[in-house]
Amino acid sequence: MNDFIIPYRRYVDFEGRSSRKEFWYFVLFYLIVSAVLTILDRTFFSSALGTDGSVIDPLTSIFGIVSLIPNISVSVRRLHDTGRSGWWVLLWLIPLVGWIPLLIWYCQKGHPVANAFGEAPEGSRVV
């Protein structure tokens, strides 16, 4: 349970490193909560339409805004764990083409020893 919450506790910490476990548990938590909130939005707010006729999802939108900075920070720390600069997270702004290397990097094993971005996260250290 702690791995779900760590990115929210360290939401403005763009330094250091995050393990694969911490990153992917955060992604899993984010997707599950977003899906549940979308169902609740469609159930309770299905009659609320925007000015252009689109459905308004207030709960999902609020959760997305609250989770934006923790999402960016855990992504930056995950890139740090693989030895890359956090600025690479901006590849996400390039549709499809930029997402592929990021997904590969997020799946890669982090450096088991200290690198330029700090000590290895707990659980991935070499003893």
N, C-alpha and C. Protein backbone atom coordinates (compact mmCIF):
# COMPACT_ATOMS: atom_id res chain seq x y z
N MET A 1 0.83 -1.21 0.00
CA MET A 1 0.00 0.00 0.00
C MET A 1 0.86 1.26 0.00
N ASN A 2 2.03 1.16 0.62
CA ASN A 2 2.91 2.31 0.72
C ASN A 2 3.39 2.79 -0.65
N ASP A 3 3.57 1.85 -1.59
CA ASP A 3 4.05 2.23 -2.93
C ASP A 3 3.03 3.08 -3.69
N PHE A 4 1.75 2.96 -3.36
CA PHE A 4 0.73 3.79 -4.00
C PHE A 4 0.82 5.23 -3.52
N ILE A 5 1.21 5.40 -2.26
CA ILE A 5 1.15 6.70 -1.61
C ILE A 5 2.45 7.49 -1.73
N ILE A 6 3.58 6.82 -1.86
CA ILE A 6 4.89 7.50 -1.90
C ILE A 6 4.93 8.63 -2.92
N PRO A 7 4.46 8.44 -4.17
CA PRO A 7 4.52 9.56 -5.12
C PRO A 7 3.70 10.78 -4.68
N TYR A 8 2.63 10.56 -3.92
CA TYR A 8 1.85 11.70 -3.43
C TYR A 8 2.56 12.39 -2.27
N ARG A 9 3.31 11.64 -1.48
CA ARG A 9 4.09 12.25 -0.41
C ARG A 9 5.27 13.04 -0.96
N ARG A 10 5.86 12.54 -2.03
CA ARG A 10 7.04 13.19 -2.64
C ARG A 10 6.63 13.97 -3.89
N TYR A 11 5.47 14.59 -3.88
CA TYR A 11 4.91 15.17 -5.10
C TYR A 11 5.70 16.33 -5.69
N VAL A 12 6.51 17.02 -4.91
CA VAL A 12 7.33 18.10 -5.46
C VAL A 12 8.81 17.75 -5.44
N ASP A 13 9.12 16.50 -5.22
CA ASP A 13 10.50 16.05 -5.16
C ASP A 13 10.90 15.50 -6.54
N PHE A 14 11.60 16.33 -7.30
CA PHE A 14 12.04 15.93 -8.63
C PHE A 14 13.48 15.43 -8.61
N GLU A 15 14.04 15.27 -7.43
CA GLU A 15 15.40 14.77 -7.29
C GLU A 15 15.34 13.37 -6.72
N GLY A 16 16.38 12.63 -6.92
CA GLY A 16 16.43 11.27 -6.42
C GLY A 16 15.92 10.29 -7.46
N ARG A 17 15.59 9.10 -6.99
CA ARG A 17 15.24 8.02 -7.89
C ARG A 17 14.01 7.28 -7.38
N SER A 18 13.24 6.71 -8.30
CA SER A 18 12.09 5.87 -7.97
C SER A 18 12.26 4.53 -8.66
N SER A 19 11.96 3.48 -7.94
CA SER A 19 12.09 2.13 -8.48
C SER A 19 10.97 1.84 -9.48
N ARG A 20 11.17 0.77 -10.25
CA ARG A 20 10.11 0.33 -11.17
C ARG A 20 8.84 0.02 -10.40
N LYS A 21 9.00 -0.64 -9.27
CA LYS A 21 7.85 -1.03 -8.46
C LYS A 21 7.04 0.19 -8.05
N GLU A 22 7.72 1.20 -7.52
CA GLU A 22 7.03 2.42 -7.10
C GLU A 22 6.33 3.08 -8.28
N PHE A 23 7.00 3.19 -9.41
CA PHE A 23 6.43 3.84 -10.59
C PHE A 23 5.20 3.09 -11.09
N TRP A 24 5.32 1.78 -11.29
CA TRP A 24 4.21 1.03 -11.88
C TRP A 24 3.05 0.85 -10.92
N TYR A 25 3.32 0.79 -9.61
CA TYR A 25 2.21 0.76 -8.66
C TYR A 25 1.46 2.09 -8.69
N PHE A 26 2.18 3.19 -8.86
CA PHE A 26 1.52 4.49 -8.98
C PHE A 26 0.65 4.52 -10.23
N VAL A 27 1.18 4.03 -11.35
CA VAL A 27 0.42 4.01 -12.60
C VAL A 27 -0.83 3.14 -12.44
N LEU A 28 -0.67 1.98 -11.82
CA LEU A 28 -1.81 1.09 -11.59
C LEU A 28 -2.87 1.77 -10.72
N PHE A 29 -2.44 2.37 -9.62
CA PHE A 29 -3.34 3.10 -8.73
C PHE A 29 -4.08 4.20 -9.49
N TYR A 30 -3.33 4.96 -10.29
CA TYR A 30 -3.91 6.07 -11.05
C TYR A 30 -4.98 5.56 -12.03
N LEU A 31 -4.68 4.48 -12.75
CA LEU A 31 -5.62 3.95 -13.73
C LEU A 31 -6.88 3.39 -13.06
N ILE A 32 -6.72 2.68 -11.96
CA ILE A 32 -7.88 2.11 -11.27
C ILE A 32 -8.77 3.21 -10.70
N VAL A 33 -8.17 4.18 -10.03
CA VAL A 33 -8.97 5.28 -9.46
C VAL A 33 -9.64 6.08 -10.57
N SER A 34 -8.94 6.33 -11.66
CA SER A 34 -9.54 7.06 -12.78
C SER A 34 -10.72 6.30 -13.37
N ALA A 35 -10.59 4.99 -13.51
CA ALA A 35 -11.69 4.19 -14.05
C ALA A 35 -12.90 4.23 -13.13
N VAL A 36 -12.67 4.08 -11.83
CA VAL A 36 -13.78 4.12 -10.86
C VAL A 36 -14.44 5.50 -10.88
N LEU A 37 -13.64 6.55 -10.90
CA LEU A 37 -14.21 7.91 -10.91
C LEU A 37 -14.96 8.18 -12.22
N THR A 38 -14.48 7.64 -13.33
CA THR A 38 -15.19 7.81 -14.60
C THR A 38 -16.56 7.14 -14.54
N ILE A 39 -16.61 5.96 -13.95
CA ILE A 39 -17.90 5.27 -13.80
C ILE A 39 -18.83 6.09 -12.91
N LEU A 40 -18.30 6.61 -11.81
CA LEU A 40 -19.13 7.45 -10.93
C LEU A 40 -19.58 8.72 -11.64
N ASP A 41 -18.69 9.33 -12.41
CA ASP A 41 -19.06 10.53 -13.17
C ASP A 41 -20.18 10.24 -14.16
N ARG A 42 -20.06 9.13 -14.89
CA ARG A 42 -21.07 8.78 -15.89
C ARG A 42 -22.39 8.40 -15.22
N THR A 43 -22.32 7.89 -13.99
CA THR A 43 -23.53 7.51 -13.27
C THR A 43 -24.25 8.72 -12.71
N PHE A 44 -23.50 9.61 -12.07
CA PHE A 44 -24.12 10.74 -11.37
C PHE A 44 -24.15 12.04 -12.16
N PHE A 45 -23.27 12.20 -13.13
CA PHE A 45 -23.20 13.45 -13.87
C PHE A 45 -23.42 13.27 -15.36
N SER A 46 -24.13 12.23 -15.76
CA SER A 46 -24.31 11.95 -17.19
C SER A 46 -25.14 13.02 -17.88
N SER A 47 -25.95 13.75 -17.15
CA SER A 47 -26.78 14.80 -17.77
C SER A 47 -26.03 16.12 -17.88
N ALA A 48 -24.85 16.23 -17.23
CA ALA A 48 -24.09 17.48 -17.29
C ALA A 48 -23.28 17.49 -18.59
N LEU A 49 -23.58 18.44 -19.44
CA LEU A 49 -22.88 18.56 -20.71
C LEU A 49 -22.13 19.88 -20.77
N GLY A 50 -21.00 19.86 -21.41
CA GLY A 50 -20.24 21.09 -21.62
C GLY A 50 -20.88 21.92 -22.71
N THR A 51 -20.33 23.09 -22.96
CA THR A 51 -20.89 23.99 -23.97
C THR A 51 -20.79 23.42 -25.38
N ASP A 52 -19.84 22.52 -25.61
CA ASP A 52 -19.70 21.91 -26.94
C ASP A 52 -20.40 20.56 -27.04
N GLY A 53 -21.19 20.19 -26.03
CA GLY A 53 -21.93 18.95 -26.05
C GLY A 53 -21.19 17.76 -25.46
N SER A 54 -19.94 17.96 -25.01
CA SER A 54 -19.18 16.87 -24.43
C SER A 54 -19.61 16.63 -22.99
N VAL A 55 -19.40 15.42 -22.53
CA VAL A 55 -19.76 15.07 -21.15
C VAL A 55 -18.70 15.63 -20.21
N ILE A 56 -19.15 16.20 -19.10
CA ILE A 56 -18.24 16.73 -18.09
C ILE A 56 -18.02 15.65 -17.04
N ASP A 57 -16.76 15.37 -16.74
CA ASP A 57 -16.40 14.39 -15.72
C ASP A 57 -15.71 15.12 -14.57
N PRO A 58 -16.46 15.68 -13.63
CA PRO A 58 -15.83 16.50 -12.59
C PRO A 58 -14.92 15.72 -11.65
N LEU A 59 -15.31 14.53 -11.22
CA LEU A 59 -14.49 13.77 -10.28
C LEU A 59 -13.18 13.32 -10.93
N THR A 60 -13.26 12.82 -12.15
CA THR A 60 -12.07 12.39 -12.87
C THR A 60 -11.16 13.57 -13.15
N SER A 61 -11.74 14.70 -13.50
CA SER A 61 -10.94 15.90 -13.79
C SER A 61 -10.21 16.40 -12.55
N ILE A 62 -10.88 16.43 -11.43
CA ILE A 62 -10.25 16.88 -10.18
C ILE A 62 -9.12 15.94 -9.80
N PHE A 63 -9.36 14.62 -9.90
CA PHE A 63 -8.31 13.65 -9.59
C PHE A 63 -7.13 13.80 -10.55
N GLY A 64 -7.39 14.04 -11.81
CA GLY A 64 -6.32 14.24 -12.78
C GLY A 64 -5.48 15.46 -12.48
N ILE A 65 -6.12 16.54 -12.07
CA ILE A 65 -5.39 17.76 -11.74
C ILE A 65 -4.56 17.56 -10.47
N VAL A 66 -5.15 16.90 -9.47
CA VAL A 66 -4.43 16.64 -8.22
C VAL A 66 -3.24 15.71 -8.46
N SER A 67 -3.36 14.80 -9.39
CA SER A 67 -2.31 13.81 -9.65
C SER A 67 -1.30 14.24 -10.70
N LEU A 68 -1.47 15.38 -11.33
CA LEU A 68 -0.58 15.81 -12.41
C LEU A 68 0.87 15.96 -11.95
N ILE A 69 1.10 16.74 -10.91
CA ILE A 69 2.47 16.97 -10.43
C ILE A 69 3.09 15.69 -9.87
N PRO A 70 2.36 14.89 -9.04
CA PRO A 70 2.96 13.62 -8.60
C PRO A 70 3.30 12.70 -9.77
N ASN A 71 2.48 12.71 -10.82
CA ASN A 71 2.74 11.89 -11.99
C ASN A 71 4.03 12.32 -12.69
N ILE A 72 4.21 13.62 -12.85
CA ILE A 72 5.43 14.13 -13.50
C ILE A 72 6.64 13.84 -12.62
N SER A 73 6.52 14.06 -11.32
CA SER A 73 7.69 13.87 -10.45
C SER A 73 8.11 12.41 -10.37
N VAL A 74 7.16 11.47 -10.29
CA VAL A 74 7.54 10.06 -10.23
C VAL A 74 8.12 9.62 -11.58
N SER A 75 7.66 10.21 -12.67
CA SER A 75 8.22 9.90 -13.99
C SER A 75 9.65 10.40 -14.10
N VAL A 76 9.90 11.60 -13.60
CA VAL A 76 11.26 12.15 -13.62
C VAL A 76 12.19 11.29 -12.76
N ARG A 77 11.74 10.93 -11.57
CA ARG A 77 12.58 10.10 -10.69
C ARG A 77 12.81 8.72 -11.29
N ARG A 78 11.84 8.19 -12.02
CA ARG A 78 12.02 6.89 -12.68
C ARG A 78 13.09 7.00 -13.76
N LEU A 79 13.08 8.09 -14.52
CA LEU A 79 14.12 8.31 -15.53
C LEU A 79 15.48 8.45 -14.86
N HIS A 80 15.52 9.12 -13.72
CA HIS A 80 16.78 9.24 -12.96
C HIS A 80 17.31 7.86 -12.58
N ASP A 81 16.41 6.94 -12.23
CA ASP A 81 16.84 5.60 -11.83
C ASP A 81 17.50 4.86 -12.98
N THR A 82 17.12 5.19 -14.21
CA THR A 82 17.73 4.55 -15.37
C THR A 82 18.93 5.33 -15.88
N GLY A 83 19.31 6.39 -15.17
CA GLY A 83 20.49 7.17 -15.54
C GLY A 83 20.23 8.27 -16.55
N ARG A 84 18.99 8.62 -16.76
CA ARG A 84 18.64 9.65 -17.74
C ARG A 84 18.16 10.92 -17.05
N SER A 85 18.30 12.01 -17.75
CA SER A 85 17.83 13.29 -17.24
C SER A 85 16.30 13.29 -17.20
N GLY A 86 15.75 13.98 -16.23
CA GLY A 86 14.30 14.10 -16.11
C GLY A 86 13.67 14.89 -17.24
N TRP A 87 14.47 15.66 -17.95
CA TRP A 87 13.94 16.44 -19.07
C TRP A 87 13.43 15.55 -20.20
N TRP A 88 13.85 14.28 -20.23
CA TRP A 88 13.37 13.36 -21.25
C TRP A 88 11.86 13.13 -21.12
N VAL A 89 11.29 13.44 -19.97
CA VAL A 89 9.85 13.27 -19.79
C VAL A 89 9.07 14.14 -20.78
N LEU A 90 9.70 15.18 -21.31
CA LEU A 90 9.03 16.04 -22.28
C LEU A 90 8.76 15.33 -23.60
N LEU A 91 9.38 14.17 -23.82
CA LEU A 91 9.06 13.38 -25.01
C LEU A 91 7.59 12.99 -25.05
N TRP A 92 6.96 12.98 -23.88
CA TRP A 92 5.54 12.64 -23.79
C TRP A 92 4.69 13.61 -24.62
N LEU A 93 5.21 14.80 -24.88
CA LEU A 93 4.47 15.80 -25.65
C LEU A 93 4.42 15.47 -27.14
N ILE A 94 5.26 14.54 -27.59
CA ILE A 94 5.26 14.11 -28.99
C ILE A 94 4.40 12.85 -29.09
N PRO A 95 3.22 12.96 -29.68
CA PRO A 95 2.32 11.80 -29.73
C PRO A 95 2.96 10.58 -30.39
N LEU A 96 2.72 9.44 -29.81
CA LEU A 96 3.17 8.12 -30.26
C LEU A 96 4.69 7.98 -30.36
N VAL A 97 5.34 8.80 -31.14
CA VAL A 97 6.78 8.68 -31.34
C VAL A 97 7.54 8.90 -30.03
N GLY A 98 7.16 9.88 -29.24
CA GLY A 98 7.83 10.16 -27.99
C GLY A 98 7.48 9.20 -26.88
N TRP A 99 6.31 8.58 -26.98
CA TRP A 99 5.86 7.68 -25.93
C TRP A 99 6.63 6.37 -25.93
N ILE A 100 7.06 5.92 -27.09
CA ILE A 100 7.71 4.61 -27.21
C ILE A 100 9.01 4.54 -26.41
N PRO A 101 9.96 5.49 -26.60
CA PRO A 101 11.18 5.38 -25.79
C PRO A 101 10.91 5.56 -24.30
N LEU A 102 9.96 6.41 -23.94
CA LEU A 102 9.65 6.58 -22.52
C LEU A 102 9.12 5.28 -21.92
N LEU A 103 8.23 4.61 -22.61
CA LEU A 103 7.69 3.36 -22.12
C LEU A 103 8.81 2.32 -21.95
N ILE A 104 9.71 2.27 -22.91
CA ILE A 104 10.85 1.34 -22.82
C ILE A 104 11.72 1.69 -21.62
N TRP A 105 12.01 2.96 -21.43
CA TRP A 105 12.86 3.39 -20.32
C TRP A 105 12.19 3.14 -18.97
N TYR A 106 10.87 3.36 -18.90
CA TYR A 106 10.15 3.11 -17.65
C TYR A 106 10.18 1.63 -17.28
N CYS A 107 10.26 0.76 -18.28
CA CYS A 107 10.28 -0.69 -18.03
C CYS A 107 11.67 -1.22 -17.73
N GLN A 108 12.70 -0.46 -18.07
CA GLN A 108 14.06 -0.93 -17.85
C GLN A 108 14.40 -1.01 -16.37
N LYS A 109 15.30 -1.93 -16.09
CA LYS A 109 15.81 -2.06 -14.73
C LYS A 109 16.68 -0.84 -14.42
N GLY A 110 16.56 -0.31 -13.22
CA GLY A 110 17.36 0.84 -12.81
C GLY A 110 18.77 0.42 -12.46
N HIS A 111 19.65 1.40 -12.34
CA HIS A 111 21.02 1.12 -11.93
C HIS A 111 21.02 0.64 -10.48
N PRO A 112 21.65 -0.51 -10.20
CA PRO A 112 21.62 -1.05 -8.84
C PRO A 112 22.55 -0.34 -7.87
N VAL A 113 23.39 0.55 -8.38
CA VAL A 113 24.32 1.30 -7.52
C VAL A 113 24.03 2.79 -7.69
N ALA A 114 24.68 3.60 -6.88
CA ALA A 114 24.48 5.05 -6.97
C ALA A 114 24.87 5.55 -8.35
N ASN A 115 24.11 6.51 -8.84
CA ASN A 115 24.46 7.18 -10.10
C ASN A 115 24.44 8.69 -9.85
N ALA A 116 24.48 9.47 -10.89
CA ALA A 116 24.54 10.93 -10.76
C ALA A 116 23.32 11.52 -10.07
N PHE A 117 22.24 10.75 -9.97
CA PHE A 117 21.00 11.26 -9.40
C PHE A 117 20.75 10.77 -7.98
N GLY A 118 21.67 10.01 -7.43
CA GLY A 118 21.54 9.60 -6.04
C GLY A 118 21.69 8.10 -5.84
N GLU A 119 21.43 7.70 -4.61
CA GLU A 119 21.51 6.29 -4.25
C GLU A 119 20.37 5.51 -4.90
N ALA A 120 20.58 4.22 -5.07
CA ALA A 120 19.53 3.36 -5.61
C ALA A 120 18.35 3.30 -4.66
N PRO A 121 17.13 3.25 -5.21
CA PRO A 121 15.96 3.15 -4.34
C PRO A 121 15.98 1.86 -3.54
N GLU A 122 15.33 1.88 -2.40
CA GLU A 122 15.23 0.70 -1.54
C GLU A 122 14.64 -0.46 -2.34
N GLY A 123 15.22 -1.62 -2.21
CA GLY A 123 14.73 -2.80 -2.91
C GLY A 123 15.46 -3.08 -4.21
N SER A 124 16.22 -2.13 -4.71
CA SER A 124 16.97 -2.36 -5.96
C SER A 124 18.46 -2.22 -5.76
N ARG A 125 18.90 -2.14 -4.51
CA ARG A 125 20.30 -1.99 -4.22
C ARG A 125 21.04 -3.32 -4.27
N VAL A 126 22.31 -3.24 -4.66
CA VAL A 126 23.17 -4.41 -4.62
C VAL A 126 23.75 -4.51 -3.23
N VAL A 127 23.66 -5.68 -2.64
CA VAL A 127 24.16 -5.86 -1.27
C VAL A 127 25.59 -6.29 -1.29
